[in-house]
């Protein structure tokens, strides 16, 4: 007969402490290991203007389990299973519900993050201040079948200056951004991730 002895020490959960990180309109609340505060370990939540936009769990610096990512309407855009490396219950704000076999490319996080990044890095050009029209630019990020961003372009154009401003904002996109590649009938495919920016003239 084999007898396994498990020490009380081995059963103890690692000690953690909570941290809060505030940057502009975002607030991160998470836990880190007491023995190594560089490693997130435990529940994590990201809020924007007080509303939860991302929540899940870390284990020794790695995301684990199911994470929820919320859209700008404060509804869950999709869940992501970090063990299976797949999204599920995908329901973007347009009301379409996708299956696990066919869905568009997704930013691996709240869609508010890329939208807010492009919007805050754009501005209404001084040369167009007399223009009272609403101008809309649709930026397309090219996402390959491995989920990497390989480039970007203006899909729906407006006046040249507005297009230029959005392209300049896109050039500042962090290389740390991660995407889930689009799927068609169970296969990963290259596609575009779209971000719509509306310029409004303020009186």
Protein backbone atom coordinates (compact mmCIF):
# COMPACT_ATOMS: atom_id res chain seq x y z
CA UNK A 1 0.00 0.00 0.00
CA UNK A 2 1.23 3.49 -0.90
CA UNK A 3 0.52 6.28 1.54
CA UNK A 4 0.79 9.89 0.40
CA UNK A 5 1.67 12.52 2.99
CA UNK A 6 0.66 16.09 2.22
CA UNK A 7 2.14 18.75 4.45
CA UNK A 8 0.02 21.54 5.87
CA UNK A 9 2.50 23.99 4.36
CA UNK A 10 1.80 22.69 0.84
CA UNK A 11 -1.92 23.25 1.27
CA UNK A 12 -1.57 26.88 2.22
CA UNK A 13 -2.57 29.43 -0.38
CA UNK A 14 0.19 31.87 -1.27
CA UNK A 15 -0.08 35.18 0.56
CA UNK A 16 -1.30 38.06 -1.59
CA UNK A 17 -2.03 41.74 -1.23
CA UNK A 18 -4.39 43.99 -3.13
CA UNK A 19 -3.20 46.81 -5.35
CA UNK A 20 -4.97 49.63 -7.17
CA UNK A 21 -3.57 51.38 -10.21
CA UNK A 22 -5.32 54.50 -11.51
CA UNK A 23 -4.46 56.00 -14.92
CA UNK A 24 -6.70 58.75 -16.31
CA UNK A 25 -10.19 57.22 -16.61
CA UNK A 26 -9.10 53.62 -15.94
CA UNK A 27 -8.70 51.87 -12.59
CA UNK A 28 -7.11 48.43 -12.13
CA UNK A 29 -7.84 46.49 -8.96
CA UNK A 30 -5.90 43.26 -8.52
CA UNK A 31 -3.84 41.07 -6.20
CA UNK A 32 -0.13 40.33 -6.30
CA UNK A 33 2.00 37.71 -4.59
CA UNK A 34 3.40 38.99 -1.31
CA UNK A 35 6.65 37.18 -2.15
CA UNK A 36 6.90 38.77 -5.62
CA UNK A 37 4.79 41.89 -6.13
CA UNK A 38 5.57 41.91 -9.87
CA UNK A 39 3.27 38.88 -10.32
CA UNK A 40 -0.51 39.30 -10.37
CA UNK A 41 -2.20 36.46 -8.51
CA UNK A 42 -5.95 36.39 -7.83
CA UNK A 43 -8.99 38.35 -8.91
CA UNK A 44 -8.54 41.21 -11.39
CA UNK A 45 -10.88 44.01 -12.44
CA UNK A 46 -10.48 46.92 -14.85
CA UNK A 47 -12.99 49.76 -14.71
CA UNK A 48 -13.61 52.79 -16.92
CA UNK A 49 -15.35 55.74 -15.30
CA UNK A 50 -16.41 53.38 -12.53
CA UNK A 51 -17.91 50.73 -14.85
CA UNK A 52 -16.36 47.27 -15.07
CA UNK A 53 -14.98 46.54 -18.54
CA UNK A 54 -12.70 43.54 -17.86
CA UNK A 55 -12.64 40.96 -15.08
CA UNK A 56 -11.02 37.61 -14.49
CA UNK A 57 -8.23 35.94 -12.55
CA UNK A 58 -4.44 35.68 -12.62
CA UNK A 59 -2.24 32.87 -11.40
CA UNK A 60 1.41 33.75 -10.89
CA UNK A 61 1.28 36.45 -13.57
CA UNK A 62 -0.71 34.45 -16.13
CA UNK A 63 -4.39 34.90 -16.99
CA UNK A 64 -6.38 31.77 -16.17
CA UNK A 65 -9.97 30.56 -16.36
CA UNK A 66 -12.83 32.47 -17.96
CA UNK A 67 -12.61 36.23 -18.41
CA UNK A 68 -15.46 38.64 -19.20
CA UNK A 69 -14.98 41.61 -21.50
CA UNK A 70 -17.66 44.34 -21.57
CA UNK A 71 -18.51 46.75 -24.39
CA UNK A 72 -19.34 50.45 -24.24
CA UNK A 73 -22.99 49.64 -23.42
CA UNK A 74 -21.82 47.88 -20.23
CA UNK A 75 -22.84 44.50 -21.65
CA UNK A 76 -20.58 41.47 -22.01
CA UNK A 77 -19.08 41.52 -25.51
CA UNK A 78 -17.64 38.04 -25.08
CA UNK A 79 -16.08 35.64 -22.61
CA UNK A 80 -12.64 34.14 -23.17
CA UNK A 81 -11.47 30.75 -21.91
CA UNK A 82 -7.73 31.07 -21.31
CA UNK A 83 -7.33 27.30 -20.96
CA UNK A 84 -8.95 26.49 -24.31
CA UNK A 85 -7.66 29.76 -25.85
CA UNK A 86 -11.09 30.41 -27.34
CA UNK A 87 -13.87 32.99 -26.93
CA UNK A 88 -17.45 31.95 -26.19
CA UNK A 89 -20.87 33.58 -25.85
CA UNK A 90 -19.84 36.24 -28.35
CA UNK A 91 -22.53 38.91 -28.58
CA UNK A 92 -21.30 42.29 -29.86
CA UNK A 93 -23.36 45.43 -29.38
CA UNK A 94 -24.99 45.15 -32.84
CA UNK A 95 -27.08 42.30 -31.45
CA UNK A 96 -25.59 39.49 -33.55
CA UNK A 97 -24.71 36.36 -31.59
CA UNK A 98 -21.87 34.33 -33.11
CA UNK A 99 -21.03 30.65 -32.70
CA UNK A 100 -17.68 29.28 -31.52
CA UNK A 101 -16.96 28.24 -35.13
CA UNK A 102 -17.66 31.54 -36.87
CA UNK A 103 -16.96 34.98 -35.44
CA UNK A 104 -15.14 38.22 -36.37
CA UNK A 105 -11.70 39.21 -35.10
CA UNK A 106 -11.79 40.41 -31.49
CA UNK A 107 -9.55 42.60 -29.40
CA UNK A 108 -8.51 40.41 -26.45
CA UNK A 109 -9.99 42.74 -23.87
CA UNK A 110 -12.79 45.27 -23.71
CA UNK A 111 -13.49 46.86 -27.13
CA UNK A 112 -13.60 50.16 -25.26
CA UNK A 113 -9.80 50.08 -24.93
CA UNK A 114 -8.86 50.32 -28.65
CA UNK A 115 -11.71 52.74 -29.34
CA UNK A 116 -10.72 55.01 -26.46
CA UNK A 117 -7.05 54.86 -27.48
CA UNK A 118 -7.72 56.01 -31.07
CA UNK A 119 -10.28 58.61 -29.95
CA UNK A 120 -8.00 60.20 -27.35
CA UNK A 121 -5.08 60.26 -29.80
CA UNK A 122 -7.23 62.07 -32.38
CA UNK A 123 -8.37 65.71 -32.41
CA UNK A 124 -10.56 68.04 -34.41
CA UNK A 125 -8.23 69.85 -36.86
CA UNK A 126 -7.99 73.63 -36.55
CA UNK A 127 -8.24 73.96 -40.33
CA UNK A 128 -11.74 72.40 -40.19
CA UNK A 129 -13.18 74.39 -37.26
CA UNK A 130 -15.55 76.22 -39.62
CA UNK A 131 -16.87 72.89 -40.84
CA UNK A 132 -20.17 72.15 -39.06
CA UNK A 133 -20.57 68.66 -40.52
CA UNK A 134 -20.09 65.47 -38.58
CA UNK A 135 -17.16 63.51 -40.07
CA UNK A 136 -16.79 59.76 -39.63
CA UNK A 137 -13.65 57.70 -40.24
CA UNK A 138 -13.57 53.89 -40.05
CA UNK A 139 -10.13 52.53 -39.22
CA UNK A 140 -9.39 48.91 -40.14
CA UNK A 141 -6.70 46.99 -38.26
CA UNK A 142 -5.44 44.04 -40.30
CA UNK A 143 -5.40 40.93 -38.10
CA UNK A 144 -3.80 37.77 -39.50
CA UNK A 145 -4.85 34.16 -38.85
CA UNK A 146 -2.47 34.01 -35.86
CA UNK A 147 -4.10 37.02 -34.17
CA UNK A 148 -1.29 39.49 -34.89
CA UNK A 149 -1.89 42.99 -36.19
CA UNK A 150 0.03 43.32 -39.46
CA UNK A 151 -1.07 46.79 -40.55
CA UNK A 152 -3.94 49.26 -40.77
CA UNK A 153 -5.76 51.42 -43.30
CA UNK A 154 -8.77 53.70 -43.61
CA UNK A 155 -11.73 51.59 -44.69
CA UNK A 156 -14.32 54.40 -44.87
CA UNK A 157 -12.75 57.77 -45.61
CA UNK A 158 -13.71 61.31 -44.70
CA UNK A 159 -11.87 64.52 -45.54
CA UNK A 160 -8.09 64.06 -45.99
CA UNK A 161 -7.14 65.83 -42.75
CA UNK A 162 -9.44 63.63 -40.65
CA UNK A 163 -8.08 60.49 -42.33
CA UNK A 164 -4.52 61.66 -41.64
CA UNK A 165 -5.26 62.26 -37.96
CA UNK A 166 -6.72 58.78 -37.49
CA UNK A 167 -3.82 57.15 -39.34
CA UNK A 168 -1.40 59.02 -37.09
CA UNK A 169 -3.27 57.77 -34.01
CA UNK A 170 -3.12 54.21 -35.39
CA UNK A 171 0.67 54.48 -35.73
CA UNK A 172 0.85 54.78 -31.92
CA UNK A 173 -1.00 51.53 -31.20
CA UNK A 174 0.92 49.58 -28.51
CA UNK A 175 2.69 46.46 -29.74
CA UNK A 176 1.40 44.69 -26.62
CA UNK A 177 -2.19 44.60 -27.92
CA UNK A 178 -3.48 41.07 -28.51
CA UNK A 179 -6.29 39.92 -30.78
CA UNK A 180 -8.35 36.77 -31.31
CA UNK A 181 -8.27 35.90 -35.03
CA UNK A 182 -11.58 35.64 -36.87
CA UNK A 183 -12.99 32.17 -37.54
CA UNK A 184 -14.95 30.79 -40.44
CA UNK A 185 -16.36 27.28 -40.08
CA UNK A 186 -13.90 26.47 -37.33
CA UNK A 187 -10.79 27.77 -39.12
CA UNK A 188 -8.79 30.87 -38.21
CA UNK A 189 -8.75 33.45 -41.01
CA UNK A 190 -7.26 36.89 -41.60
CA UNK A 191 -9.72 39.76 -41.25
CA UNK A 192 -10.13 43.40 -40.26
CA UNK A 193 -10.90 44.77 -36.81
CA UNK A 194 -12.91 47.97 -37.29
CA UNK A 195 -12.87 51.10 -35.14
CA UNK A 196 -15.27 53.92 -36.00
CA UNK A 197 -14.27 57.44 -34.97
CA UNK A 198 -16.80 60.29 -35.28
CA UNK A 199 -15.51 63.88 -35.32
CA UNK A 200 -18.08 66.39 -34.07
CA UNK A 201 -17.68 70.14 -34.37
CA UNK A 202 -18.35 71.76 -31.00
CA UNK A 203 -19.85 75.26 -31.03
